[in-house]
Amino acid sequence: MKTLSIVIPAFNEEATIKEILDKVLAVELISNFQKELVIINDCSTDKTEKSIMDYKEQNPEAVINYQKHEKNRGKGAAIRTGIQSANGDYLIIQDADLEYDPEEYNILLKPIVDGFADVVYGSRFLGGNAHRILFFWHTLGNKFLTFLSNMMTNLNLTDMETCYKLFKAEIIKNIQLKENRFGFEPEVTSKIARIPKIRIYEVGISYYGRTYDEGKKINWKDGFRAIYCVLKYNIFSR
């Protein structure tokens, strides 16, 4: 029986963490996949940890692998901790907010289950799924970063910056990752693209974005860091 490890980095997400965990547990995965929830508390200063521990106690049947950083290290570092701690055959990244819908795991799993893919990206720009209308400049920035990444990797992704990335565990565990914040996305994409005969697929997903008042954390500095990371990991640190 196969297991999907769901890596959930969390920093000050007390308002949404229980709801996202409910959504993750409620999903019925195809092909009898089992779930392991790998939650990484990146030194939250609110009640995120209490919410997680209460949830774990209230749901003893759930396989919850809890990790904690003693210092805030960033989303990329939390994902690295999650990857190292995961025990599943496959691994997907899930933000602790409500921007992405766990009901769509099966859309990403299908190319894997059908034997076509080793890695699957969920694209917010493909298909007819629901998308919240938010920031023009964020969308333009995402598309520019994807375009730049594609130029360097010779891929034709539509959404390199997506949260939903599903990997065979043996592949992602064997990649040395370094970025601590949002540079994870271009770094992992550049390193995945260089693996010989890797099979990368992309599927359309929905997107329920947050405003900054609702807790969105990425900013323009992260955008410039992402440009730097595209160049660094495709040209200077190959």
Protein backbone atom coordinates (compact mmCIF):
# COMPACT_ATOMS: atom_id res chain seq x y z
CA MET A 1 0.00 0.00 0.00
CA LYS A 2 1.43 3.39 -1.08
CA THR A 3 1.61 6.45 1.16
CA LEU A 4 1.42 10.12 0.20
CA SER A 5 3.29 12.40 2.59
CA ILE A 6 1.68 15.83 2.75
CA VAL A 7 4.32 18.37 3.81
CA ILE A 8 2.69 21.35 5.53
CA PRO A 9 4.98 24.26 6.51
CA ALA A 10 3.24 26.55 9.01
CA PHE A 11 4.17 29.95 10.39
CA ASN A 12 1.54 31.86 12.41
CA GLU A 13 -1.40 30.00 10.84
CA GLU A 14 -3.58 29.52 13.94
CA ALA A 15 -6.57 30.95 12.07
CA THR A 16 -6.52 28.30 9.31
CA ILE A 17 -4.42 25.32 10.42
CA LYS A 18 -7.30 23.24 11.83
CA GLU A 19 -9.46 23.84 8.77
CA ILE A 20 -6.72 22.84 6.33
CA LEU A 21 -5.96 19.70 8.36
CA ASP A 22 -9.67 18.81 8.28
CA LYS A 23 -9.64 19.21 4.50
CA VAL A 24 -6.51 17.06 4.14
CA LEU A 25 -7.92 14.27 6.31
CA ALA A 26 -11.25 14.34 4.47
CA VAL A 27 -9.71 13.58 1.07
CA GLU A 28 -10.21 10.04 -0.22
CA LEU A 29 -7.12 9.31 -2.27
CA ILE A 30 -7.25 7.17 -5.41
CA SER A 31 -5.62 3.72 -5.63
CA ASN A 32 -5.91 3.20 -1.85
CA PHE A 33 -3.15 5.68 -1.10
CA GLN A 34 -2.67 6.32 2.62
CA LYS A 35 -1.81 9.75 4.06
CA GLU A 36 0.98 10.95 6.30
CA LEU A 37 0.67 14.57 7.45
CA VAL A 38 4.12 16.10 7.98
CA ILE A 39 3.57 19.44 9.75
CA ILE A 40 6.52 21.79 10.28
CA ASN A 41 5.97 24.63 12.74
CA ASP A 42 8.49 27.28 11.69
CA CYS A 43 8.75 28.86 15.18
CA SER A 44 5.29 30.42 15.13
CA THR A 45 4.66 33.18 17.66
CA ASP A 46 0.89 32.70 17.81
CA LYS A 47 -1.12 29.63 18.89
CA THR A 48 -0.26 27.53 15.83
CA GLU A 49 1.57 24.90 17.92
CA LYS A 50 -1.31 24.58 20.42
CA SER A 51 -3.77 24.21 17.55
CA ILE A 52 -1.68 21.44 16.01
CA MET A 53 -1.19 19.56 19.28
CA ASP A 54 -4.91 19.83 20.11
CA TYR A 55 -5.74 18.57 16.64
CA LYS A 56 -3.36 15.65 16.97
CA GLU A 57 -4.93 14.67 20.30
CA GLN A 58 -8.46 14.95 18.87
CA ASN A 59 -7.60 12.84 15.79
CA PRO A 60 -5.58 9.88 17.08
CA GLU A 61 -6.34 7.85 13.94
CA ALA A 62 -4.50 10.36 11.73
CA VAL A 63 -0.82 9.80 10.95
CA ILE A 64 0.63 13.16 11.98
CA ASN A 65 4.39 13.67 11.93
CA TYR A 66 5.05 16.94 13.81
CA GLN A 67 8.31 18.85 13.50
CA LYS A 68 9.28 22.20 15.00
CA HIS A 69 11.97 24.79 14.29
CA GLU A 70 13.36 26.54 17.36
CA LYS A 71 14.12 29.61 15.21
CA ASN A 72 12.12 30.98 12.30
CA ARG A 73 14.01 29.77 9.23
CA GLY A 74 11.59 30.36 6.35
CA LYS A 75 9.25 28.33 4.16
CA GLY A 76 12.02 26.69 2.11
CA ALA A 77 13.79 25.50 5.26
CA ALA A 78 10.50 24.15 6.64
CA ILE A 79 9.89 22.25 3.40
CA ARG A 80 13.40 20.77 3.60
CA THR A 81 12.70 19.58 7.15
CA GLY A 82 9.43 18.08 5.92
CA ILE A 83 11.10 16.28 3.02
CA GLN A 84 13.75 14.82 5.31
CA SER A 85 11.13 13.74 7.87
CA ALA A 86 8.59 12.26 5.44
CA ASN A 87 8.15 8.49 5.29
CA GLY A 88 5.85 8.18 2.28
CA ASP A 89 6.43 6.85 -1.22
CA TYR A 90 5.31 10.16 -2.71
CA LEU A 91 5.32 13.70 -1.38
CA ILE A 92 3.24 16.82 -1.99
CA ILE A 93 3.59 20.31 -0.54
CA GLN A 94 0.53 21.91 1.06
CA ASP A 95 0.46 25.48 2.38
CA ALA A 96 -1.18 25.82 5.81
CA ASP A 97 -3.53 28.54 4.57
CA LEU A 98 -6.61 27.90 2.44
CA GLU A 99 -5.28 29.02 -0.95
CA TYR A 100 -5.06 25.49 -2.37
CA ASP A 101 -7.71 22.75 -2.19
CA PRO A 102 -6.60 19.30 -0.96
CA GLU A 103 -9.56 17.77 -2.85
CA GLU A 104 -7.36 18.18 -5.93
CA TYR A 105 -4.60 15.82 -4.75
CA ASN A 106 -6.11 13.13 -6.94
CA ILE A 107 -5.75 15.33 -10.02
CA LEU A 108 -2.01 15.48 -9.35
CA LEU A 109 -1.78 11.81 -8.38
CA LYS A 110 -3.43 10.49 -11.55
CA PRO A 111 -0.43 10.90 -13.92
CA ILE A 112 1.72 9.18 -11.25
CA VAL A 113 -0.75 6.32 -10.70
CA ASP A 114 -1.16 5.86 -14.46
CA GLY A 115 2.60 5.42 -14.79
CA PHE A 116 3.32 8.55 -16.84
CA ALA A 117 4.95 10.95 -14.38
CA ASP A 118 7.70 11.23 -11.77
CA VAL A 119 6.85 14.83 -10.84
CA VAL A 120 3.53 16.69 -11.21
CA TYR A 121 3.02 20.46 -10.91
CA GLY A 122 -0.43 21.93 -10.25
CA SER A 123 -0.92 25.00 -12.44
CA ARG A 124 -3.17 27.90 -11.45
CA PHE A 125 -3.15 29.04 -15.09
CA LEU A 126 -4.41 25.85 -16.77
CA GLY A 127 -7.98 24.68 -17.19
CA GLY A 128 -11.32 26.04 -16.06
CA ASN A 129 -10.93 25.76 -12.28
CA ALA A 130 -12.01 28.48 -9.83
CA HIS A 131 -9.53 31.31 -9.27
CA ARG A 132 -9.90 34.22 -6.90
CA ILE A 133 -9.16 37.53 -8.67
CA LEU A 134 -6.49 39.43 -6.76
CA PHE A 135 -3.25 41.15 -7.78
CA PHE A 136 -2.28 42.02 -11.37
CA TRP A 137 1.39 42.53 -10.53
CA HIS A 138 1.63 39.22 -8.67
CA THR A 139 0.21 37.40 -11.69
CA LEU A 140 2.56 39.23 -14.04
CA GLY A 141 5.49 38.47 -11.72
CA ASN A 142 4.58 34.78 -11.55
CA LYS A 143 4.36 34.55 -15.34
CA PHE A 144 7.66 36.38 -15.78
CA LEU A 145 9.42 34.07 -13.31
CA THR A 146 7.96 31.02 -15.02
CA PHE A 147 9.07 32.36 -18.42
CA LEU A 148 12.59 33.04 -17.14
CA SER A 149 12.78 29.61 -15.50
CA ASN A 150 11.55 27.92 -18.68
CA MET A 151 14.22 29.71 -20.73
CA MET A 152 16.89 28.31 -18.42
CA THR A 153 15.51 24.78 -17.95
CA ASN A 154 14.00 24.23 -21.42
CA LEU A 155 10.70 23.24 -19.80
CA ASN A 156 7.30 24.59 -20.85
CA LEU A 157 5.63 24.99 -17.46
CA THR A 158 2.83 27.52 -17.03
CA ASP A 159 3.22 27.93 -13.24
CA MET A 160 6.68 27.33 -11.80
CA GLU A 161 5.76 29.23 -8.60
CA THR A 162 2.85 26.94 -7.68
CA CYS A 163 2.70 25.45 -4.18
CA TYR A 164 1.33 22.12 -5.43
CA LYS A 165 4.30 20.04 -6.49
CA LEU A 166 4.09 16.26 -6.18
CA PHE A 167 7.26 14.15 -6.27
CA LYS A 168 8.33 10.56 -6.03
CA ALA A 169 9.94 10.62 -2.59
CA GLU A 170 13.16 8.95 -3.73
CA ILE A 171 13.66 11.74 -6.29
CA ILE A 172 13.10 14.75 -4.03
CA LYS A 173 15.00 13.23 -1.10
CA ASN A 174 18.08 12.87 -3.31
CA ILE A 175 18.15 16.53 -4.32
CA GLN A 176 20.29 18.84 -2.20
CA LEU A 177 18.17 21.95 -1.55
CA LYS A 178 19.50 25.15 0.02
CA GLU A 179 16.94 27.97 -0.18
CA ASN A 180 15.31 29.03 3.10
CA ARG A 181 12.46 31.20 1.86
CA PHE A 182 10.44 31.36 -1.36
CA GLY A 183 13.49 30.64 -3.52
CA PHE A 184 12.59 26.98 -3.05
CA GLU A 185 10.35 27.02 -6.16
CA PRO A 186 12.95 28.07 -8.78
CA GLU A 187 15.67 26.06 -7.05
CA VAL A 188 13.78 22.78 -7.02
CA THR A 189 12.54 23.34 -10.58
CA SER A 190 16.04 23.91 -11.91
CA LYS A 191 17.41 20.83 -10.13
CA ILE A 192 14.48 18.60 -11.12
CA ALA A 193 14.88 19.65 -14.76
CA ARG A 194 18.48 18.42 -14.85
CA ILE A 195 17.65 14.84 -13.82
CA PRO A 196 18.13 12.55 -16.84
CA LYS A 197 14.87 11.18 -18.30
CA ILE A 198 12.72 12.85 -15.61
CA ARG A 199 9.03 12.86 -16.52
CA ILE A 200 7.38 16.13 -15.47
CA TYR A 201 3.65 16.70 -15.91
CA GLU A 202 1.40 19.67 -15.20
CA VAL A 203 -2.33 19.68 -14.35
CA GLY A 204 -4.82 22.50 -13.83
CA ILE A 205 -5.85 23.35 -10.26
CA SER A 206 -8.01 26.00 -8.57
CA TYR A 207 -6.69 28.86 -6.46
CA TYR A 208 -8.28 30.67 -3.51
CA GLY A 209 -5.67 33.38 -2.92
CA ARG A 210 -5.33 35.52 0.19
CA THR A 211 -4.82 39.26 0.55
CA TYR A 212 -2.10 40.63 2.82
CA ASP A 213 -4.75 41.49 5.42
CA GLU A 214 -5.76 37.81 5.33
CA GLY A 215 -2.19 36.66 6.01
CA LYS A 216 -0.34 36.50 2.68
CA LYS A 217 3.40 36.64 3.39
CA ILE A 218 5.26 36.78 0.07
CA ASN A 219 6.44 40.25 -1.01
CA TRP A 220 8.39 42.06 -3.73
CA LYS A 221 11.74 41.19 -2.11
CA ASP A 222 10.89 37.51 -2.53
CA GLY A 223 10.23 38.19 -6.21
CA PHE A 224 13.73 39.60 -6.70
CA ARG A 225 15.17 36.67 -4.74
CA ALA A 226 13.33 34.30 -7.06
CA ILE A 227 14.90 35.98 -10.12
CA TYR A 228 18.31 35.63 -8.47
CA CYS A 229 17.61 31.94 -7.73
CA VAL A 230 16.56 31.21 -11.32
CA LEU A 231 19.90 32.60 -12.51
CA LYS A 232 21.93 31.14 -9.66
CA TYR A 233 20.74 27.54 -9.92
CA ASN A 234 20.61 27.43 -13.72
CA ILE A 235 23.85 29.27 -14.56
CA PHE A 236 26.17 29.92 -11.61
CA SER A 237 25.61 26.84 -9.41
CA ARG A 238 25.00 24.07 -11.89
